[in-house]
Amino acid sequence: MVSTFPNPFSVDLSRIRLAIRSLQPQLVEWRRRLHQQPELGFQEKLTAEFVSQKLQEWGIEHKTGIAHTGIVATIEGNKLPTNKVLAIRADMDALPIQEINEVPYKSQHDGVMHACGHDGHTAIALGTAYYLQQHRQDFSGTVKIIFQPAEESPGGAKPMIEAGVLKNPDVDAIIGLHLWNNLPLGTVGVRAGALMAAVECFNCIILGKGGHGALPHQTIDSVVVAAQIVNALQTIVARNVNPIDSAVVTVGELHAGTKRNVIADTARMSATVRYFNPSLKGFFKERVEQIIAGICQSHGANYDLEYWSLYPPVINDMKIAELVRSIAEEVVETSLGIVPECQTMAAEDMSFFLEEVPGCYFFLGSANPAKDLAYPHHHPRFDFDETALAMGVEIFIRCVEKYFL
């Protein structure tokens, strides 16, 4: 067990309306079916077919094949006339991980696993769609439910936006959740401002000159150069970034050499950069290259650098975050309850939606150590307490009802 918590909290489900509590067995069934058939980004054909089949069965208007496998469902309320549109986003993709859980709903696809909770997100979105369609008289406005592919990689939000999912009708605000095993069941992590980090990446090849390990003066040692670069990169956060701002530079891969007495002519490294403050965009790219170029020049080495931005930071709108927080307080009643300080350096392409329209992305606690359900995300034994599914639907439904008041 990697993640640890205090004794599990008693979760009061009485605040979840009966119709949604009654839906819980279906939510579990949908989630487990999806868990058995995980698919990687832009390959979610079975998942999309299942979602579309359910939406069609319930008479919900929807479009398929958006950004390859994405789906957008549209449900109009009948309570009062209004032009407001609220979107709800759920991601569908899995990870290239071999599941080692021994459960009846274990992944049937070798080397692919729902190790991050996206199967639960999709099930919650389906439950939300079903409930809204059955209770259109209870809310106003229009709800768009976005079933997004490829959150893990290479990112499905941006191509869905480019395909027009926020248009016709135009979305005014958007919400989404992430089942979160870093929080116990019965808690909600929600805050205005930065919730998750921007992520940038780079690959670098150090080009030296190989030779005999006993004759270093005849060489340009790429290992020594790479080692100095790795150390120097840490000074960016330590000495170039305002200490009030959080940031991370991690060199996760470093490969060089083939034998102990051979000085390697090349060294390859791969790294990730993360930060919350949007004003830092572009800063790290410039500083990383300055350090690499300076150290290489001092040793007579050359380099080949590839640097790119993956996702911007997840920045929650103050008003929509307050809406979600107020709803969470109505639904969740435990000794921890609402957790405002829930930032993480993990990244999410929900950020692209939040750059286009105001919204809120929040964490729904899903860990339960008493059931051995507290392994971290992306772990081959990841699983979560499915009680969170009905809680997620209830929060979404109340957000819809309150947003259109």
Protein backbone atom coordinates (compact mmCIF):
# COMPACT_ATOMS: atom_id res chain seq x y z
CA MET A 1 0.00 0.00 0.00
CA VAL A 2 1.42 3.33 -1.06
CA SER A 3 -1.22 5.90 -0.07
CA THR A 4 -2.17 6.01 3.60
CA PHE A 5 -4.95 7.81 5.45
CA PRO A 6 -6.41 7.89 8.94
CA ASN A 7 -9.24 5.50 9.76
CA PRO A 8 -11.90 5.71 7.02
CA PHE A 9 -14.58 8.28 7.59
CA SER A 10 -18.24 7.47 7.98
CA VAL A 11 -19.95 8.68 4.82
CA ASP A 12 -23.55 9.83 5.05
CA LEU A 13 -25.32 8.97 1.78
CA SER A 14 -28.71 10.31 2.90
CA ARG A 15 -27.99 13.59 1.12
CA ILE A 16 -27.91 11.77 -2.20
CA ARG A 17 -31.43 11.75 -3.61
CA LEU A 18 -33.20 8.40 -3.80
CA ALA A 19 -33.31 8.34 -7.60
CA ILE A 20 -29.52 8.57 -7.76
CA ARG A 21 -28.96 6.12 -4.92
CA SER A 22 -31.19 3.73 -6.85
CA LEU A 23 -28.96 4.27 -9.89
CA GLN A 24 -25.84 3.15 -8.00
CA PRO A 25 -25.98 -0.52 -9.12
CA GLN A 26 -26.14 0.63 -12.74
CA LEU A 27 -23.26 3.02 -12.23
CA VAL A 28 -21.15 0.19 -10.83
CA GLU A 29 -22.15 -2.10 -13.70
CA TRP A 30 -21.23 0.50 -16.33
CA ARG A 31 -17.96 1.32 -14.64
CA ARG A 32 -16.93 -2.32 -14.37
CA ARG A 33 -17.78 -3.03 -17.99
CA LEU A 34 -15.67 -0.09 -19.06
CA HIS A 35 -12.89 -1.22 -16.72
CA GLN A 36 -12.80 -4.61 -18.42
CA GLN A 37 -12.36 -3.03 -21.86
CA PRO A 38 -9.80 -0.23 -21.41
CA GLU A 39 -8.52 1.57 -24.50
CA LEU A 40 -5.68 3.99 -25.09
CA GLY A 41 -6.04 7.56 -26.33
CA PHE A 42 -7.93 8.00 -29.62
CA GLN A 43 -8.55 4.24 -29.66
CA GLU A 44 -11.63 4.29 -27.40
CA LYS A 45 -13.90 2.64 -29.99
CA LEU A 46 -15.56 0.12 -27.68
CA THR A 47 -15.98 2.78 -25.00
CA ALA A 48 -17.51 5.24 -27.47
CA GLU A 49 -19.83 2.57 -28.86
CA PHE A 50 -21.02 1.75 -25.36
CA VAL A 51 -21.60 5.40 -24.48
CA SER A 52 -23.41 6.09 -27.75
CA GLN A 53 -25.56 2.98 -27.33
CA LYS A 54 -26.70 4.14 -23.90
CA LEU A 55 -27.39 7.69 -25.04
CA GLN A 56 -29.39 6.41 -28.01
CA GLU A 57 -31.30 4.04 -25.75
CA TRP A 58 -32.29 6.97 -23.53
CA GLY A 59 -33.25 9.20 -26.47
CA ILE A 60 -30.47 11.70 -25.87
CA GLU A 61 -29.28 13.72 -28.85
CA HIS A 62 -25.54 13.28 -29.38
CA LYS A 63 -22.76 13.47 -31.93
CA THR A 64 -20.04 10.85 -32.29
CA GLY A 65 -16.64 10.69 -33.98
CA ILE A 66 -15.47 14.07 -32.68
CA ALA A 67 -11.66 14.12 -32.53
CA HIS A 68 -11.77 10.45 -33.59
CA THR A 69 -13.69 8.89 -30.70
CA GLY A 70 -15.17 11.80 -28.74
CA ILE A 71 -18.90 12.25 -28.10
CA VAL A 72 -21.00 15.27 -27.20
CA ALA A 73 -24.51 14.80 -25.78
CA THR A 74 -27.00 17.67 -25.52
CA ILE A 75 -29.89 17.74 -23.06
CA GLU A 76 -32.32 20.65 -22.82
CA GLY A 77 -34.21 21.42 -19.63
CA ASN A 78 -37.89 22.37 -19.69
CA LYS A 79 -38.27 24.21 -16.39
CA LEU A 80 -37.80 27.83 -17.50
CA PRO A 81 -36.68 29.34 -20.80
CA THR A 82 -33.01 30.38 -20.78
CA ASN A 83 -30.16 30.47 -23.27
CA LYS A 84 -27.49 29.47 -20.75
CA VAL A 85 -25.38 26.41 -21.52
CA LEU A 86 -23.38 24.38 -19.00
CA ALA A 87 -20.92 21.71 -20.12
CA ILE A 88 -19.81 18.64 -18.15
CA ARG A 89 -16.62 16.91 -19.24
CA ALA A 90 -15.53 13.30 -18.68
CA ASP A 91 -12.43 11.59 -20.08
CA MET A 92 -12.57 8.01 -21.37
CA ASP A 93 -9.05 6.74 -22.07
CA ALA A 94 -6.91 4.24 -20.17
CA LEU A 95 -3.17 3.75 -19.63
CA PRO A 96 -0.51 1.35 -21.00
CA ILE A 97 -0.26 -0.51 -17.67
CA GLN A 98 -0.68 -4.21 -16.94
CA GLU A 99 -3.31 -4.61 -14.23
CA ILE A 100 -2.41 -6.91 -11.36
CA ASN A 101 -5.67 -6.64 -9.42
CA GLU A 102 -7.49 -9.95 -9.05
CA VAL A 103 -11.08 -8.77 -9.34
CA PRO A 104 -13.99 -10.05 -11.47
CA TYR A 105 -13.87 -6.88 -13.56
CA LYS A 106 -10.12 -7.01 -14.22
CA SER A 107 -8.92 -5.59 -17.55
CA GLN A 108 -9.32 -8.03 -20.42
CA HIS A 109 -6.94 -6.06 -22.64
CA ASP A 110 -3.34 -7.10 -22.10
CA GLY A 111 -1.07 -4.23 -21.14
CA VAL A 112 -3.89 -1.68 -20.90
CA MET A 113 -5.66 -0.62 -17.72
CA HIS A 114 -7.99 2.01 -16.30
CA ALA A 115 -5.44 3.01 -13.68
CA CYS A 116 -6.60 6.60 -13.23
CA GLY A 117 -10.37 6.43 -12.76
CA HIS A 118 -11.53 7.49 -16.22
CA ASP A 119 -13.88 4.50 -16.31
CA GLY A 120 -15.54 6.02 -13.25
CA HIS A 121 -15.64 9.46 -14.85
CA THR A 122 -17.42 8.03 -17.88
CA ALA A 123 -19.89 6.12 -15.70
CA ILE A 124 -20.64 9.26 -13.66
CA ALA A 125 -21.21 11.25 -16.86
CA LEU A 126 -23.54 8.55 -18.17
CA GLY A 127 -25.46 8.56 -14.90
CA THR A 128 -25.72 12.33 -15.06
CA ALA A 129 -27.01 12.20 -18.63
CA TYR A 130 -29.57 9.55 -17.74
CA TYR A 131 -30.88 11.45 -14.73
CA LEU A 132 -31.10 14.77 -16.57
CA GLN A 133 -32.97 13.18 -19.47
CA GLN A 134 -35.47 11.65 -17.05
CA HIS A 135 -35.91 14.92 -15.11
CA ARG A 136 -35.84 17.61 -17.78
CA GLN A 137 -38.72 19.35 -16.04
CA ASP A 138 -36.49 20.01 -13.02
CA PHE A 139 -33.84 22.22 -14.66
CA SER A 140 -33.54 25.07 -17.10
CA GLY A 141 -31.03 25.71 -19.84
CA THR A 142 -28.95 23.31 -21.89
CA VAL A 143 -26.39 20.79 -20.66
CA LYS A 144 -23.65 19.52 -22.94
CA ILE A 145 -21.90 16.37 -21.76
CA ILE A 146 -18.49 15.94 -23.35
CA PHE A 147 -17.01 12.44 -23.44
CA GLN A 148 -13.38 13.16 -24.26
CA PRO A 149 -10.70 10.81 -25.61
CA ALA A 150 -6.97 10.81 -24.97
CA GLU A 151 -6.55 12.85 -21.79
CA GLU A 152 -3.50 10.85 -20.78
CA SER A 153 -1.78 11.40 -24.10
CA PRO A 154 -1.53 13.06 -26.51
CA GLY A 155 -4.52 15.15 -25.40
CA GLY A 156 -8.07 15.09 -26.71
CA ALA A 157 -9.45 18.34 -25.29
CA LYS A 158 -7.79 20.67 -27.77
CA PRO A 159 -8.87 18.78 -30.91
CA MET A 160 -12.41 18.55 -29.52
CA ILE A 161 -12.44 22.31 -28.97
CA GLU A 162 -11.10 22.82 -32.49
CA ALA A 163 -13.91 20.58 -33.75
CA GLY A 164 -16.43 22.97 -32.16
CA VAL A 165 -17.73 21.15 -29.06
CA LEU A 166 -18.05 24.45 -27.20
CA LYS A 167 -20.15 25.96 -30.00
CA ASN A 168 -23.71 25.56 -31.36
CA PRO A 169 -24.95 26.21 -28.73
CA ASP A 170 -22.12 28.18 -27.19
CA VAL A 171 -21.01 26.94 -23.76
CA ASP A 172 -21.08 29.53 -20.96
CA ALA A 173 -19.34 27.47 -18.28
CA ILE A 174 -17.88 24.01 -17.78
CA ILE A 175 -17.33 21.63 -14.86
CA GLY A 176 -15.54 18.32 -14.48
CA LEU A 177 -14.30 16.00 -11.77
CA HIS A 178 -11.47 13.60 -11.15
CA LEU A 179 -11.89 10.64 -8.82
CA TRP A 180 -8.95 11.13 -6.51
CA ASN A 181 -7.24 8.45 -4.46
CA ASN A 182 -5.12 11.10 -2.79
CA LEU A 183 -8.26 11.97 -0.81
CA PRO A 184 -10.45 9.55 1.15
CA LEU A 185 -14.04 8.79 0.23
CA GLY A 186 -16.33 11.48 1.59
CA THR A 187 -14.16 14.45 0.67
CA VAL A 188 -14.11 16.93 -2.20
CA GLY A 189 -11.05 18.93 -3.23
CA VAL A 190 -12.09 22.23 -4.76
CA ARG A 191 -10.40 25.60 -4.98
CA ALA A 192 -10.43 28.72 -7.12
CA GLY A 193 -7.33 29.51 -9.15
CA ALA A 194 -4.61 27.01 -9.99
CA LEU A 195 -5.51 23.41 -9.20
CA MET A 196 -3.16 21.45 -11.46
CA ALA A 197 0.11 22.33 -13.14
CA ALA A 198 1.18 23.17 -16.65
CA VAL A 199 3.41 20.51 -18.12
CA GLU A 200 6.23 21.02 -20.60
CA CYS A 201 8.70 18.40 -21.82
CA PHE A 202 12.09 18.21 -23.42
CA ASN A 203 14.47 15.68 -24.91
CA CYS A 204 18.16 16.48 -25.25
CA ILE A 205 21.06 14.65 -26.85
CA ILE A 206 24.53 15.64 -25.67
CA LEU A 207 27.02 15.20 -28.51
CA GLY A 208 30.55 14.65 -27.23
CA LYS A 209 33.52 12.62 -28.42
CA GLY A 210 34.01 9.03 -27.33
CA GLY A 211 37.20 7.25 -26.45
CA HIS A 212 39.05 5.02 -24.02
CA GLY A 213 38.25 5.37 -20.35
CA ALA A 214 41.97 5.57 -19.55
CA LEU A 215 42.53 8.46 -21.99
CA PRO A 216 39.91 11.08 -21.10
CA HIS A 217 42.02 13.93 -22.45
CA GLN A 218 41.32 12.63 -25.95
CA THR A 219 37.56 12.78 -25.48
CA ILE A 220 34.61 15.00 -24.69
CA ASP A 221 32.80 13.00 -22.03
CA SER A 222 29.04 13.22 -22.65
CA VAL A 223 28.34 11.60 -19.26
CA VAL A 224 30.19 14.33 -17.36
CA VAL A 225 28.47 17.01 -19.43
CA ALA A 226 25.04 15.44 -18.87
CA ALA A 227 25.65 15.10 -15.13
CA GLN A 228 26.50 18.78 -14.82
CA ILE A 229 23.42 19.71 -16.84
CA VAL A 230 21.13 17.64 -14.59
CA ASN A 231 22.50 19.37 -11.51
CA ALA A 232 22.40 22.82 -13.05
CA LEU A 233 18.80 22.44 -14.18
CA GLN A 234 17.75 22.26 -10.52
CA THR A 235 18.99 25.80 -10.01
CA ILE A 236 16.19 27.09 -12.26
CA VAL A 237 13.60 26.43 -9.56
CA ALA A 238 15.98 27.08 -6.69
CA ARG A 239 17.40 30.38 -7.95
CA ASN A 240 15.45 31.69 -10.97
CA VAL A 241 11.81 31.18 -9.94
CA ASN A 242 10.14 33.32 -7.30
CA PRO A 243 10.00 31.11 -4.18
CA ILE A 244 6.32 32.00 -3.84
CA ASP A 245 5.69 30.14 -7.12
CA SER A 246 5.83 26.35 -7.14
CA ALA A 247 7.67 24.66 -9.99
CA VAL A 248 9.40 21.37 -10.78
CA VAL A 249 12.11 20.32 -13.21
CA THR A 250 12.54 16.54 -13.29
CA VAL A 251 15.00 14.66 -15.49
CA GLY A 252 13.32 11.28 -15.59
CA GLU A 253 15.55 9.58 -18.12
CA LEU A 254 19.30 9.63 -18.65
CA HIS A 255 20.97 7.11 -20.94
CA ALA A 256 24.65 6.97 -21.89
CA GLY A 257 27.45 4.52 -22.40
CA THR A 258 27.80 0.84 -23.18
CA LYS A 259 30.84 -0.28 -21.15
CA ARG A 260 32.72 0.80 -18.03
CA ASN A 261 36.00 1.59 -19.80
CA VAL A 262 34.49 3.39 -22.80
CA ILE A 263 33.77 7.12 -22.61
CA ALA A 264 30.37 7.67 -24.23
CA ASP A 265 30.16 10.03 -27.18
CA THR A 266 26.45 10.72 -26.63
CA ALA A 267 24.07 11.01 -23.69
CA ARG A 268 20.31 11.25 -23.93
CA MET A 269 17.99 12.78 -21.37
CA SER A 270 14.26 13.35 -21.12
CA ALA A 271 12.59 15.68 -18.65
CA THR A 272 9.36 17.25 -17.53
CA VAL A 273 8.76 20.82 -16.33
CA ARG A 274 5.73 21.81 -14.25
CA TYR A 275 4.41 25.06 -12.82
CA PHE A 276 1.17 26.78 -11.77
CA ASN A 277 1.76 30.42 -12.68
CA PRO A 278 0.73 31.05 -16.33
CA SER A 279 3.23 33.94 -16.52
CA LEU A 280 6.04 31.36 -16.49
CA LYS A 281 5.04 30.12 -19.92
CA GLY A 282 8.08 30.38 -22.18
CA PHE A 283 10.47 31.06 -19.31
CA PHE A 284 11.61 27.49 -18.73
CA LYS A 285 12.20 26.77 -22.40
CA GLU A 286 14.58 29.69 -22.66
CA ARG A 287 16.35 28.99 -19.37
CA VAL A 288 16.76 25.26 -20.02
CA GLU A 289 18.47 25.93 -23.34
CA GLN A 290 20.71 28.60 -21.80
CA ILE A 291 21.98 26.10 -19.23
CA ILE A 292 22.45 23.27 -21.72
CA ALA A 293 24.18 25.52 -24.24
CA GLY A 294 26.49 27.07 -21.63
CA ILE A 295 27.64 23.79 -20.14
CA CYS A 296 28.11 22.17 -23.54
CA GLN A 297 30.16 25.14 -24.74
CA SER A 298 32.39 24.98 -21.68
CA HIS A 299 33.24 21.36 -22.49
CA GLY A 300 33.41 21.67 -26.27
CA ALA A 301 30.30 19.51 -26.71
CA ASN A 302 27.26 20.09 -28.88
CA TYR A 303 23.61 19.33 -28.21
CA ASP A 304 20.28 18.69 -29.90
CA LEU A 305 17.30 19.97 -27.88
CA GLU A 306 13.62 19.31 -28.50
CA TYR A 307 11.28 21.27 -26.18
CA TRP A 308 7.49 21.41 -26.28
CA SER A 309 4.50 22.45 -24.20
CA LEU A 310 1.91 19.76 -23.48
CA TYR A 311 -0.85 21.20 -21.25
CA PRO A 312 -1.34 24.63 -19.64
CA PRO A 313 -2.22 24.86 -15.92
CA VAL A 314 -5.75 24.06 -14.73
CA ILE A 315 -7.09 27.43 -13.56
CA ASN A 316 -10.53 27.40 -11.93
CA ASP A 317 -12.89 30.36 -12.20
CA MET A 318 -13.71 31.89 -8.82
CA LYS A 319 -17.51 31.98 -9.29
CA ILE A 320 -17.83 28.47 -10.71
CA ALA A 321 -15.46 27.09 -8.06
CA GLU A 322 -17.66 28.69 -5.38
CA LEU A 323 -20.71 27.08 -7.00
CA VAL A 324 -19.06 23.65 -6.84
CA ARG A 325 -17.83 24.22 -3.29
CA SER A 326 -21.31 25.20 -2.08
CA ILE A 327 -22.81 22.10 -3.71
CA ALA A 328 -20.10 19.84 -2.27
CA GLU A 329 -20.89 21.12 1.21
CA GLU A 330 -24.52 20.11 0.68
CA VAL A 331 -23.64 16.61 -0.54
CA VAL A 332 -20.59 15.63 1.52
CA GLU A 333 -20.73 15.38 5.29
CA THR A 334 -17.62 13.89 6.86
CA SER A 335 -15.03 15.07 9.36
CA LEU A 336 -12.81 16.27 6.50
CA GLY A 337 -15.44 17.34 3.98
CA ILE A 338 -14.17 20.08 1.68
CA VAL A 339 -10.41 20.21 1.09
CA PRO A 340 -9.40 23.58 -0.44
CA GLU A 341 -5.64 23.01 -0.36
CA CYS A 342 -5.62 20.23 -2.89
CA GLN A 343 -3.17 21.44 -5.54
CA THR A 344 -1.07 18.93 -7.38
CA MET A 345 1.76 19.13 -9.89
CA ALA A 346 -0.04 16.54 -11.99
CA ALA A 347 -1.44 17.94 -15.24
CA GLU A 348 -4.75 17.67 -17.06
CA ASP A 349 -5.93 18.80 -20.49
CA MET A 350 -9.18 20.00 -18.92
CA SER A 351 -7.02 23.14 -18.83
CA PHE A 352 -7.74 23.80 -22.51
CA PHE A 353 -11.49 23.93 -21.84
CA LEU A 354 -10.89 26.30 -18.92
CA GLU A 355 -8.88 28.60 -21.18
CA GLU A 356 -11.94 28.94 -23.41
CA VAL A 357 -14.78 29.31 -20.88
CA PRO A 358 -14.97 29.82 -17.11
CA GLY A 359 -15.28 26.62 -15.16
CA CYS A 360 -14.15 24.39 -12.33
CA TYR A 361 -12.33 21.09 -12.18
CA PHE A 362 -12.45 19.36 -8.81
CA PHE A 363 -11.34 16.20 -7.03
CA LEU A 364 -13.80 13.69 -5.62
CA GLY A 365 -12.21 11.60 -2.86
CA SER A 366 -12.34 7.90 -3.75
CA ALA A 367 -9.80 6.08 -1.54
CA ASN A 368 -10.85 3.62 1.13
CA PRO A 369 -7.95 1.87 2.90
CA ALA A 370 -10.36 -0.37 4.80
CA LYS A 371 -11.24 -2.01 1.47
CA ASP A 372 -7.63 -1.94 0.21
CA LEU A 373 -8.65 0.79 -2.25
CA ALA A 374 -5.99 3.43 -1.71
CA TYR A 375 -3.29 2.69 -4.26
CA PRO A 376 -2.21 5.81 -6.14
CA HIS A 377 -3.14 6.73 -9.66
CA HIS A 378 -1.16 5.00 -12.43
CA HIS A 379 -0.35 2.08 -10.12
CA PRO A 380 -1.06 -1.44 -11.49
CA ARG A 381 -3.26 -2.08 -8.45
CA PHE A 382 -5.20 1.18 -8.66
CA ASP A 383 -8.89 0.88 -7.82
CA PHE A 384 -11.37 3.09 -5.99
CA ASP A 385 -14.42 2.92 -3.74
CA GLU A 386 -17.38 2.87 -6.12
CA THR A 387 -19.55 4.62 -3.55
CA ALA A 388 -18.04 7.78 -5.05
CA LEU A 389 -19.93 7.19 -8.31
CA ALA A 390 -23.36 8.18 -6.96
CA MET A 391 -21.76 11.07 -5.07
CA GLY A 392 -20.31 12.35 -8.35
CA VAL A 393 -23.67 12.20 -10.10
CA GLU A 394 -25.39 14.01 -7.22
CA ILE A 395 -22.81 16.81 -7.27
CA PHE A 396 -23.12 17.22 -11.04
CA ILE A 397 -26.93 17.26 -10.92
CA ARG A 398 -27.02 19.85 -8.14
CA CYS A 399 -24.52 22.00 -10.01
CA VAL A 400 -26.80 21.91 -13.06
CA GLU A 401 -29.87 22.81 -11.03
CA LYS A 402 -28.16 25.63 -9.14
CA TYR A 403 -26.29 27.07 -12.14
CA PHE A 404 -29.54 27.68 -14.03
CA LEU A 405 -31.38 29.31 -11.12
